[in-house]
Amino acid sequence: MRRKPLSQQVVAVTGASQGIGRAIARAFGAAGAKVGLIARGVDGLDAAADEIRWAGGEALVLPADVSDARQVQKA
């Protein structure tokens, strides 16, 4: 089995619940990275994580508003 280019890598994607951020998160997951999904919309994050996992990737949902330093630290 061929190793994916980003296996062994961890990435955090902000705005991952929809649009461009979600597409970027899926691309990282497809390339083998473990993906931390960050956004305010928890429902969208759960759906994005499910898409990545369904395709065989690993994803962690980290709800946070990146404009609030405490929420980012907690995530």
PDB file of N, CA and C in Angstrom:
ATOM      1  N   MET A   1       0.841  -1.179   0.000  1.00  0.00           N
ATOM      2  CA  MET A   1       0.000   0.000   0.000  1.00  0.00           C
ATOM      3  C   MET A   1       0.889   1.246   0.000  1.00  0.00           C
ATOM      4  N   ARG A   2       0.583   2.163  -0.840  1.00  0.00           N
ATOM      5  CA  ARG A   2       1.373   3.385  -0.971  1.00  0.00           C
ATOM      6  C   ARG A   2       1.031   4.371   0.143  1.00  0.00           C
ATOM      7  N   ARG A   3       2.060   4.949   0.735  1.00  0.00           N
ATOM      8  CA  ARG A   3       1.872   5.915   1.814  1.00  0.00           C
ATOM      9  C   ARG A   3       1.367   7.241   1.260  1.00  0.00           C
ATOM     10  N   LYS A   4       0.407   7.837   1.944  1.00  0.00           N
ATOM     11  CA  LYS A   4      -0.123   9.131   1.513  1.00  0.00           C
ATOM     12  C   LYS A   4       0.889  10.222   1.841  1.00  0.00           C
ATOM     13  N   PRO A   5       0.949  11.289   1.030  1.00  0.00           N
ATOM     14  CA  PRO A   5       1.998  12.297   1.177  1.00  0.00           C
ATOM     15  C   PRO A   5       2.030  13.021   2.527  1.00  0.00           C
ATOM     16  N   LEU A   6       0.900  13.155   3.183  1.00  0.00           N
ATOM     17  CA  LEU A   6       0.885  13.883   4.461  1.00  0.00           C
ATOM     18  C   LEU A   6       0.636  12.981   5.668  1.00  0.00           C
ATOM     19  N   SER A   7       0.805  11.662   5.480  1.00  0.00           N
ATOM     20  CA  SER A   7       0.654  10.786   6.642  1.00  0.00           C
ATOM     21  C   SER A   7       1.722  11.168   7.659  1.00  0.00           C
ATOM     22  N   GLN A   8       1.421  11.008   8.908  1.00  0.00           N
ATOM     23  CA  GLN A   8       2.301  11.404  10.019  1.00  0.00           C
ATOM     24  C   GLN A   8       2.276  12.907  10.280  1.00  0.00           C
ATOM     25  N   GLN A   9       1.438  13.661   9.570  1.00  0.00           N
ATOM     26  CA  GLN A   9       1.347  15.111   9.772  1.00  0.00           C
ATOM     27  C   GLN A   9       0.022  15.454  10.444  1.00  0.00           C
ATOM     28  N   VAL A  10       0.019  16.537  11.205  1.00  0.00           N
ATOM     29  CA  VAL A  10      -1.184  17.038  11.854  1.00  0.00           C
ATOM     30  C   VAL A  10      -1.397  18.470  11.381  1.00  0.00           C
ATOM     31  N   VAL A  11      -2.620  18.785  10.979  1.00  0.00           N
ATOM     32  CA  VAL A  11      -2.933  20.140  10.546  1.00  0.00           C
ATOM     33  C   VAL A  11      -4.173  20.638  11.285  1.00  0.00           C
ATOM     34  N   ALA A  12      -4.241  21.948  11.465  1.00  0.00           N
ATOM     35  CA  ALA A  12      -5.430  22.593  12.027  1.00  0.00           C
ATOM     36  C   ALA A  12      -5.989  23.506  10.950  1.00  0.00           C
ATOM     37  N   VAL A  13      -7.282  23.375  10.693  1.00  0.00           N
ATOM     38  CA  VAL A  13      -7.937  24.185   9.658  1.00  0.00           C
ATOM     39  C   VAL A  13      -9.025  25.009  10.315  1.00  0.00           C
ATOM     40  N   THR A  14      -8.910  26.338  10.203  1.00  0.00           N
ATOM     41  CA  THR A  14      -9.951  27.219  10.719  1.00  0.00           C
ATOM     42  C   THR A  14     -10.997  27.439   9.633  1.00  0.00           C
ATOM     43  N   GLY A  15     -12.212  27.731  10.054  1.00  0.00           N
ATOM     44  CA  GLY A  15     -13.307  27.903   9.098  1.00  0.00           C
ATOM     45  C   GLY A  15     -13.683  26.593   8.437  1.00  0.00           C
ATOM     46  N   ALA A  16     -13.470  25.492   9.149  1.00  0.00           N
ATOM     47  CA  ALA A  16     -13.618  24.159   8.565  1.00  0.00           C
ATOM     48  C   ALA A  16     -15.054  23.661   8.488  1.00  0.00           C
ATOM     49  N   SER A  17     -16.019  24.436   8.951  1.00  0.00           N
ATOM     50  CA  SER A  17     -17.394  23.944   8.947  1.00  0.00           C
ATOM     51  C   SER A  17     -18.097  24.131   7.611  1.00  0.00           C
ATOM     52  N   GLN A  18     -17.534  24.968   6.729  1.00  0.00           N
ATOM     53  CA  GLN A  18     -18.203  25.195   5.439  1.00  0.00           C
ATOM     54  C   GLN A  18     -17.245  25.795   4.410  1.00  0.00           C
ATOM     55  N   GLY A  19     -17.676  25.841   3.191  1.00  0.00           N
ATOM     56  CA  GLY A  19     -16.969  26.529   2.127  1.00  0.00           C
ATOM     57  C   GLY A  19     -15.538  26.087   1.896  1.00  0.00           C
ATOM     58  N   ILE A  20     -14.671  27.081   1.688  1.00  0.00           N
ATOM     59  CA  ILE A  20     -13.273  26.817   1.367  1.00  0.00           C
ATOM     60  C   ILE A  20     -12.563  26.083   2.497  1.00  0.00           C
ATOM     61  N   GLY A  21     -12.815  26.482   3.744  1.00  0.00           N
ATOM     62  CA  GLY A  21     -12.177  25.814   4.875  1.00  0.00           C
ATOM     63  C   GLY A  21     -12.513  24.339   4.931  1.00  0.00           C
ATOM     64  N   ARG A  22     -13.759  24.007   4.671  1.00  0.00           N
ATOM     65  CA  ARG A  22     -14.184  22.605   4.683  1.00  0.00           C
ATOM     66  C   ARG A  22     -13.521  21.833   3.550  1.00  0.00           C
ATOM     67  N   ALA A  23     -13.438  22.443   2.375  1.00  0.00           N
ATOM     68  CA  ALA A  23     -12.792  21.795   1.235  1.00  0.00           C
ATOM     69  C   ALA A  23     -11.303  21.563   1.511  1.00  0.00           C
ATOM     70  N   ILE A  24     -10.650  22.531   2.131  1.00  0.00           N
ATOM     71  CA  ILE A  24      -9.237  22.387   2.482  1.00  0.00           C
ATOM     72  C   ILE A  24      -9.052  21.256   3.488  1.00  0.00           C
ATOM     73  N   ALA A  25      -9.934  21.198   4.482  1.00  0.00           N
ATOM     74  CA  ALA A  25      -9.856  20.133   5.487  1.00  0.00           C
ATOM     75  C   ALA A  25     -10.007  18.769   4.835  1.00  0.00           C
ATOM     76  N   ARG A  26     -10.957  18.639   3.913  1.00  0.00           N
ATOM     77  CA  ARG A  26     -11.144  17.359   3.213  1.00  0.00           C
ATOM     78  C   ARG A  26      -9.903  16.991   2.405  1.00  0.00           C
ATOM     79  N   ALA A  27      -9.300  17.981   1.760  1.00  0.00           N
ATOM     80  CA  ALA A  27      -8.097  17.720   0.956  1.00  0.00           C
ATOM     81  C   ALA A  27      -6.941  17.251   1.831  1.00  0.00           C
ATOM     82  N   PHE A  28      -6.759  17.895   2.984  1.00  0.00           N
ATOM     83  CA  PHE A  28      -5.708  17.449   3.907  1.00  0.00           C
ATOM     84  C   PHE A  28      -5.983  16.024   4.382  1.00  0.00           C
ATOM     85  N   GLY A  29      -7.236  15.733   4.717  1.00  0.00           N
ATOM     86  CA  GLY A  29      -7.598  14.393   5.152  1.00  0.00           C
ATOM     87  C   GLY A  29      -7.333  13.356   4.066  1.00  0.00           C
ATOM     88  N   ALA A  30      -7.675  13.678   2.829  1.00  0.00           N
ATOM     89  CA  ALA A  30      -7.458  12.766   1.712  1.00  0.00           C
ATOM     90  C   ALA A  30      -5.967  12.527   1.463  1.00  0.00           C
ATOM     91  N   ALA A  31      -5.143  13.519   1.816  1.00  0.00           N
ATOM     92  CA  ALA A  31      -3.695  13.395   1.636  1.00  0.00           C
ATOM     93  C   ALA A  31      -3.034  12.675   2.804  1.00  0.00           C
ATOM     94  N   GLY A  32      -3.842  12.273   3.803  1.00  0.00           N
ATOM     95  CA  GLY A  32      -3.316  11.468   4.894  1.00  0.00           C
ATOM     96  C   GLY A  32      -3.058  12.190   6.201  1.00  0.00           C
ATOM     97  N   ALA A  33      -3.261  13.503   6.242  1.00  0.00           N
ATOM     98  CA  ALA A  33      -3.022  14.250   7.476  1.00  0.00           C
ATOM     99  C   ALA A  33      -4.118  13.984   8.500  1.00  0.00           C
ATOM    100  N   LYS A  34      -3.765  14.089   9.758  1.00  0.00           N
ATOM    101  CA  LYS A  34      -4.750  14.103  10.836  1.00  0.00           C
ATOM    102  C   LYS A  34      -5.213  15.548  10.931  1.00  0.00           C
ATOM    103  N   VAL A  35      -6.521  15.779  10.861  1.00  0.00           N
ATOM    104  CA  VAL A  35      -7.044  17.125  10.701  1.00  0.00           C
ATOM    105  C   VAL A  35      -7.807  17.586  11.938  1.00  0.00           C
ATOM    106  N   GLY A  36      -7.406  18.733  12.491  1.00  0.00           N
ATOM    107  CA  GLY A  36      -8.152  19.406  13.550  1.00  0.00           C
ATOM    108  C   GLY A  36      -9.061  20.427  12.895  1.00  0.00           C
ATOM    109  N   LEU A  37     -10.359  20.256  13.084  1.00  0.00           N
ATOM    110  CA  LEU A  37     -11.352  21.122  12.447  1.00  0.00           C
ATOM    111  C   LEU A  37     -11.800  22.197  13.435  1.00  0.00           C
ATOM    112  N   ILE A  38     -11.571  23.461  13.091  1.00  0.00           N
ATOM    113  CA  ILE A  38     -11.891  24.569  13.982  1.00  0.00           C
ATOM    114  C   ILE A  38     -12.885  25.508  13.306  1.00  0.00           C
ATOM    115  N   ALA A  39     -13.974  25.823  14.013  1.00  0.00           N
ATOM    116  CA  ALA A  39     -14.969  26.795  13.555  1.00  0.00           C
ATOM    117  C   ALA A  39     -15.981  27.008  14.668  1.00  0.00           C
ATOM    118  N   ARG A  40     -16.834  27.990  14.481  1.00  0.00           N
ATOM    119  CA  ARG A  40     -17.883  28.256  15.465  1.00  0.00           C
ATOM    120  C   ARG A  40     -19.062  27.315  15.319  1.00  0.00           C
ATOM    121  N   GLY A  41     -19.372  26.892  14.091  1.00  0.00           N
ATOM    122  CA  GLY A  41     -20.556  26.076  13.826  1.00  0.00           C
ATOM    123  C   GLY A  41     -20.322  24.606  14.076  1.00  0.00           C
ATOM    124  N   VAL A  42     -20.740  24.113  15.220  1.00  0.00           N
ATOM    125  CA  VAL A  42     -20.487  22.723  15.607  1.00  0.00           C
ATOM    126  C   VAL A  42     -21.141  21.733  14.643  1.00  0.00           C
ATOM    127  N   ASP A  43     -22.345  22.006  14.200  1.00  0.00           N
ATOM    128  CA  ASP A  43     -23.024  21.077  13.287  1.00  0.00           C
ATOM    129  C   ASP A  43     -22.225  20.891  12.004  1.00  0.00           C
ATOM    130  N   GLY A  44     -21.739  21.980  11.441  1.00  0.00           N
ATOM    131  CA  GLY A  44     -20.933  21.892  10.235  1.00  0.00           C
ATOM    132  C   GLY A  44     -19.632  21.153  10.476  1.00  0.00           C
ATOM    133  N   LEU A  45     -19.060  21.331  11.658  1.00  0.00           N
ATOM    134  CA  LEU A  45     -17.808  20.633  11.990  1.00  0.00           C
ATOM    135  C   LEU A  45     -18.030  19.132  12.071  1.00  0.00           C
ATOM    136  N   ASP A  46     -19.104  18.733  12.694  1.00  0.00           N
ATOM    137  CA  ASP A  46     -19.398  17.299  12.807  1.00  0.00           C
ATOM    138  C   ASP A  46     -19.576  16.679  11.427  1.00  0.00           C
ATOM    139  N   ALA A  47     -20.274  17.372  10.544  1.00  0.00           N
ATOM    140  CA  ALA A  47     -20.488  16.859   9.188  1.00  0.00           C
ATOM    141  C   ALA A  47     -19.168  16.780   8.423  1.00  0.00           C
ATOM    142  N   ALA A  48     -18.314  17.790   8.569  1.00  0.00           N
ATOM    143  CA  ALA A  48     -17.008  17.781   7.896  1.00  0.00           C
ATOM    144  C   ALA A  48     -16.147  16.635   8.418  1.00  0.00           C
ATOM    145  N   ALA A  49     -16.167  16.427   9.728  1.00  0.00           N
ATOM    146  CA  ALA A  49     -15.397  15.324  10.315  1.00  0.00           C
ATOM    147  C   ALA A  49     -15.900  13.981   9.793  1.00  0.00           C
ATOM    148  N   ASP A  50     -17.217  13.835   9.688  1.00  0.00           N
ATOM    149  CA  ASP A  50     -17.790  12.597   9.165  1.00  0.00           C
ATOM    150  C   ASP A  50     -17.331  12.347   7.731  1.00  0.00           C
ATOM    151  N   GLU A  51     -17.286  13.402   6.913  1.00  0.00           N
ATOM    152  CA  GLU A  51     -16.833  13.257   5.527  1.00  0.00           C
ATOM    153  C   GLU A  51     -15.389  12.771   5.470  1.00  0.00           C
ATOM    154  N   ILE A  52     -14.544  13.346   6.303  1.00  0.00           N
ATOM    155  CA  ILE A  52     -13.123  12.957   6.325  1.00  0.00           C
ATOM    156  C   ILE A  52     -12.980  11.517   6.799  1.00  0.00           C
ATOM    157  N   ARG A  53     -13.686  11.166   7.858  1.00  0.00           N
ATOM    158  CA  ARG A  53     -13.608   9.800   8.396  1.00  0.00           C
ATOM    159  C   ARG A  53     -14.171   8.781   7.416  1.00  0.00           C
ATOM    160  N   TRP A  54     -15.267   9.129   6.740  1.00  0.00           N
ATOM    161  CA  TRP A  54     -15.876   8.232   5.767  1.00  0.00           C
ATOM    162  C   TRP A  54     -14.882   7.904   4.648  1.00  0.00           C
ATOM    163  N   ALA A  55     -14.035   8.887   4.309  1.00  0.00           N
ATOM    164  CA  ALA A  55     -13.030   8.692   3.262  1.00  0.00           C
ATOM    165  C   ALA A  55     -11.764   8.014   3.789  1.00  0.00           C
ATOM    166  N   GLY A  56     -11.767   7.634   5.075  1.00  0.00           N
ATOM    167  CA  GLY A  56     -10.631   6.911   5.638  1.00  0.00           C
ATOM    168  C   GLY A  56      -9.640   7.769   6.396  1.00  0.00           C
ATOM    169  N   GLY A  57      -9.937   9.053   6.585  1.00  0.00           N
ATOM    170  CA  GLY A  57      -9.029   9.947   7.298  1.00  0.00           C
ATOM    171  C   GLY A  57      -9.351  10.065   8.774  1.00  0.00           C
ATOM    172  N   GLU A  58      -8.549  10.861   9.456  1.00  0.00           N
ATOM    173  CA  GLU A  58      -8.748  11.111  10.880  1.00  0.00           C
ATOM    174  C   GLU A  58      -9.065  12.592  11.082  1.00  0.00           C
ATOM    175  N   ALA A  59     -10.073  12.870  11.905  1.00  0.00           N
ATOM    176  CA  ALA A  59     -10.469  14.256  12.147  1.00  0.00           C
ATOM    177  C   ALA A  59     -10.891  14.438  13.600  1.00  0.00           C
ATOM    178  N   LEU A  60     -10.601  15.613  14.128  1.00  0.00           N
ATOM    179  CA  LEU A  60     -10.971  15.974  15.485  1.00  0.00           C
ATOM    180  C   LEU A  60     -11.724  17.299  15.432  1.00  0.00           C
ATOM    181  N   VAL A  61     -12.915  17.338  16.020  1.00  0.00           N
ATOM    182  CA  VAL A  61     -13.738  18.546  16.042  1.00  0.00           C
ATOM    183  C   VAL A  61     -13.317  19.415  17.224  1.00  0.00           C
ATOM    184  N   LEU A  62     -12.971  20.676  16.929  1.00  0.00           N
ATOM    185  CA  LEU A  62     -12.520  21.630  17.944  1.00  0.00           C
ATOM    186  C   LEU A  62     -13.314  22.934  17.791  1.00  0.00           C
ATOM    187  N   PRO A  63     -14.525  22.986  18.344  1.00  0.00           N
ATOM    188  CA  PRO A  63     -15.311  24.204  18.187  1.00  0.00           C
ATOM    189  C   PRO A  63     -14.661  25.379  18.914  1.00  0.00           C
ATOM    190  N   ALA A  64     -14.483  26.480  18.197  1.00  0.00           N
ATOM    191  CA  ALA A  64     -13.885  27.679  18.794  1.00  0.00           C
ATOM    192  C   ALA A  64     -14.098  28.866  17.869  1.00  0.00           C
ATOM    193  N   ASP A  65     -14.216  30.028  18.480  1.00  0.00           N
ATOM    194  CA  ASP A  65     -14.237  31.289  17.751  1.00  0.00           C
ATOM    195  C   ASP A  65     -12.806  31.815  17.799  1.00  0.00           C
ATOM    196  N   VAL A  66     -12.134  31.865  16.649  1.00  0.00           N
ATOM    197  CA  VAL A  66     -10.721  32.236  16.643  1.00  0.00           C
ATOM    198  C   VAL A  66     -10.485  33.695  17.018  1.00  0.00           C
ATOM    199  N   SER A  67     -11.536  34.486  17.140  1.00  0.00           N
ATOM    200  CA  SER A  67     -11.357  35.865  17.595  1.00  0.00           C
ATOM    201  C   SER A  67     -11.308  35.956  19.122  1.00  0.00           C
ATOM    202  N   ASP A  68     -11.521  34.824  19.803  1.00  0.00           N
ATOM    203  CA  ASP A  68     -11.484  34.767  21.267  1.00  0.00           C
ATOM    204  C   ASP A  68     -10.303  33.883  21.689  1.00  0.00           C
ATOM    205  N   ALA A  69      -9.256  34.501  22.209  1.00  0.00           N
ATOM    206  CA  ALA A  69      -8.029  33.786  22.564  1.00  0.00           C
ATOM    207  C   ALA A  69      -8.278  32.642  23.546  1.00  0.00           C
ATOM    208  N   ARG A  70      -9.192  32.810  24.488  1.00  0.00           N
ATOM    209  CA  ARG A  70      -9.468  31.727  25.439  1.00  0.00           C
ATOM    210  C   ARG A  70     -10.058  30.506  24.761  1.00  0.00           C
ATOM    211  N   GLN A  71     -10.945  30.734  23.792  1.00  0.00           N
ATOM    212  CA  GLN A  71     -11.524  29.598  23.084  1.00  0.00           C
ATOM    213  C   GLN A  71     -10.469  28.872  22.248  1.00  0.00           C
ATOM    214  N   VAL A  72      -9.567  29.631  21.654  1.00  0.00           N
ATOM    215  CA  VAL A  72      -8.509  29.024  20.851  1.00  0.00           C
ATOM    216  C   VAL A  72      -7.591  28.201  21.752  1.00  0.00           C
ATOM    217  N   GLN A  73      -7.228  28.735  22.903  1.00  0.00           N
ATOM    218  CA  GLN A  73      -6.376  27.998  23.840  1.00  0.00           C
ATOM    219  C   GLN A  73      -7.046  26.707  24.295  1.00  0.00           C
ATOM    220  N   LYS A  74      -8.344  26.788  24.578  1.00  0.00           N
ATOM    221  CA  LYS A  74      -9.086  25.606  25.013  1.00  0.00           C
ATOM    222  C   LYS A  74      -9.122  24.551  23.907  1.00  0.00           C
ATOM    223  N   ALA A  75      -9.306  25.008  22.672  1.00  0.00           N
ATOM    224  CA  ALA A  75      -9.351  24.061  21.534  1.00  0.00           C
ATOM    225  C   ALA A  75      -8.008  23.381  21.386  1.00  0.00           C
TER     226      ALA A  75
END
